[in-house]
Amino acid sequence: MKKADELSDLRIKAFLKASRQGTGKEVHISDGKIPGLSLWARKGAANAFTARWKYSYRKEGKSKVFGLGSYPAVSLQAARGQAAALRSSLMSGKDPREEKRKAEA
């Protein structure tokens, strides 16, 4: 399996430009620096366009996704920082989604 290239602001802008021409399906580009971090984009109804950072991981044999926020409100550097913190939490045996639910309750 080929490792993804590291994202840069230039690669993100090119990806988003190509995504705007898309068919409405959600597409993503992965970051080669932080495993599991990717930017997802979708062109919706009435040409509305959204881009969101997501961190994907496996816990107890199940695939899970943790949303990190919208682009450009959350920068590449901020998304990497959040993903690294989530990765550390996973390494210590904690599920980030469960921790967030506990904190909100």
Protein backbone atom coordinates (compact mmCIF):
# COMPACT_ATOMS: atom_id res chain seq x y z
CA MET A 1 0.00 0.00 0.00
CA LYS A 2 1.37 3.41 -0.99
CA LYS A 3 1.84 5.95 1.77
CA ALA A 4 0.02 9.25 1.27
CA ASP A 5 2.11 12.35 0.61
CA GLU A 6 2.26 15.06 3.26
CA LEU A 7 -0.39 17.71 2.80
CA SER A 8 0.53 21.32 2.22
CA ASP A 9 -1.60 24.43 1.78
CA LEU A 10 -0.91 24.30 -1.96
CA ARG A 11 -2.02 20.64 -2.25
CA ILE A 12 -5.16 21.40 -0.22
CA LYS A 13 -6.10 24.33 -2.47
CA ALA A 14 -5.63 22.19 -5.61
CA PHE A 15 -7.72 19.38 -4.07
CA LEU A 16 -10.53 21.77 -3.12
CA LYS A 17 -10.53 23.37 -6.56
CA ALA A 18 -10.90 19.93 -8.19
CA SER A 19 -13.56 18.91 -5.64
CA ARG A 20 -15.73 21.90 -6.50
CA GLN A 21 -16.08 20.47 -10.01
CA GLY A 22 -17.24 17.14 -8.54
CA THR A 23 -20.51 15.28 -8.77
CA GLY A 24 -21.71 15.69 -5.19
CA LYS A 25 -19.96 12.62 -3.82
CA GLU A 26 -17.81 13.08 -0.75
CA VAL A 27 -14.11 12.83 -1.60
CA HIS A 28 -11.05 13.00 0.62
CA ILE A 29 -7.31 13.53 0.65
CA SER A 30 -5.15 11.95 3.35
CA ASP A 31 -2.20 13.46 5.17
CA GLY A 32 0.97 11.37 5.05
CA LYS A 33 2.35 12.99 8.21
CA ILE A 34 -0.41 11.96 10.65
CA PRO A 35 -1.97 8.54 9.92
CA GLY A 36 -5.77 8.71 9.92
CA LEU A 37 -6.01 12.46 9.25
CA SER A 38 -7.86 13.47 6.10
CA LEU A 39 -9.72 16.39 4.59
CA TRP A 40 -13.16 15.52 3.23
CA ALA A 41 -14.99 17.71 0.71
CA ARG A 42 -18.47 17.63 -0.77
CA LYS A 43 -20.38 19.72 -3.25
CA GLY A 44 -23.98 19.74 -2.11
CA ALA A 45 -27.30 21.06 -3.32
CA ALA A 46 -27.37 24.53 -4.88
CA ASN A 47 -23.57 24.34 -5.29
CA ALA A 48 -22.99 24.58 -1.52
CA PHE A 49 -19.47 23.34 -0.81
CA THR A 50 -18.10 22.04 2.49
CA ALA A 51 -14.70 20.78 3.59
CA ARG A 52 -14.10 19.09 6.96
CA TRP A 53 -11.19 17.51 8.78
CA LYS A 54 -11.72 13.97 10.04
CA TYR A 55 -9.55 11.58 12.03
CA SER A 56 -10.22 7.87 11.36
CA TYR A 57 -9.15 5.12 13.73
CA ARG A 58 -9.97 1.58 14.84
CA LYS A 59 -10.96 0.70 18.38
CA GLU A 60 -11.92 -2.81 19.45
CA GLY A 61 -12.06 -3.91 15.81
CA LYS A 62 -14.47 -1.16 14.75
CA SER A 63 -13.77 1.75 12.42
CA LYS A 64 -14.54 5.12 13.97
CA VAL A 65 -14.32 8.73 12.79
CA PHE A 66 -13.75 11.84 14.89
CA GLY A 67 -14.60 15.23 13.36
CA LEU A 68 -12.01 17.95 13.88
CA GLY A 69 -13.80 20.92 12.33
CA SER A 70 -14.35 22.74 9.07
CA TYR A 71 -11.64 23.96 6.73
CA PRO A 72 -10.44 26.76 6.64
CA ALA A 73 -11.65 27.55 10.19
CA VAL A 74 -9.36 24.72 11.34
CA SER A 75 -5.97 25.00 9.62
CA LEU A 76 -3.77 22.11 8.54
CA GLN A 77 -1.45 22.71 11.49
CA ALA A 78 -4.34 22.81 13.98
CA ALA A 79 -5.86 19.62 12.52
CA ARG A 80 -2.49 17.88 12.80
CA GLY A 81 -2.21 18.99 16.43
CA GLN A 82 -5.68 17.70 17.27
CA ALA A 83 -5.06 14.41 15.44
CA ALA A 84 -1.75 13.91 17.26
CA ALA A 85 -3.50 14.46 20.60
CA LEU A 86 -6.21 11.95 19.65
CA ARG A 87 -3.56 9.46 18.58
CA SER A 88 -1.83 9.83 21.97
CA SER A 89 -5.14 9.29 23.72
CA LEU A 90 -5.70 6.11 21.71
CA MET A 91 -2.20 4.87 22.54
CA SER A 92 -3.01 5.22 26.25
CA GLY A 93 -6.13 3.07 25.77
CA LYS A 94 -8.78 5.80 25.73
CA ASP A 95 -11.46 6.23 23.05
CA PRO A 96 -11.57 9.92 22.05
CA ARG A 97 -15.28 9.79 21.18
CA GLU A 98 -16.16 8.35 24.57
CA GLU A 99 -13.96 10.92 26.35
CA LYS A 100 -15.71 13.73 24.48
CA ARG A 101 -19.15 12.36 25.40
CA LYS A 102 -18.14 12.16 29.07
CA ALA A 103 -16.83 15.73 29.00
CA GLU A 104 -20.06 17.03 27.43
CA ALA A 105 -22.26 15.23 29.97
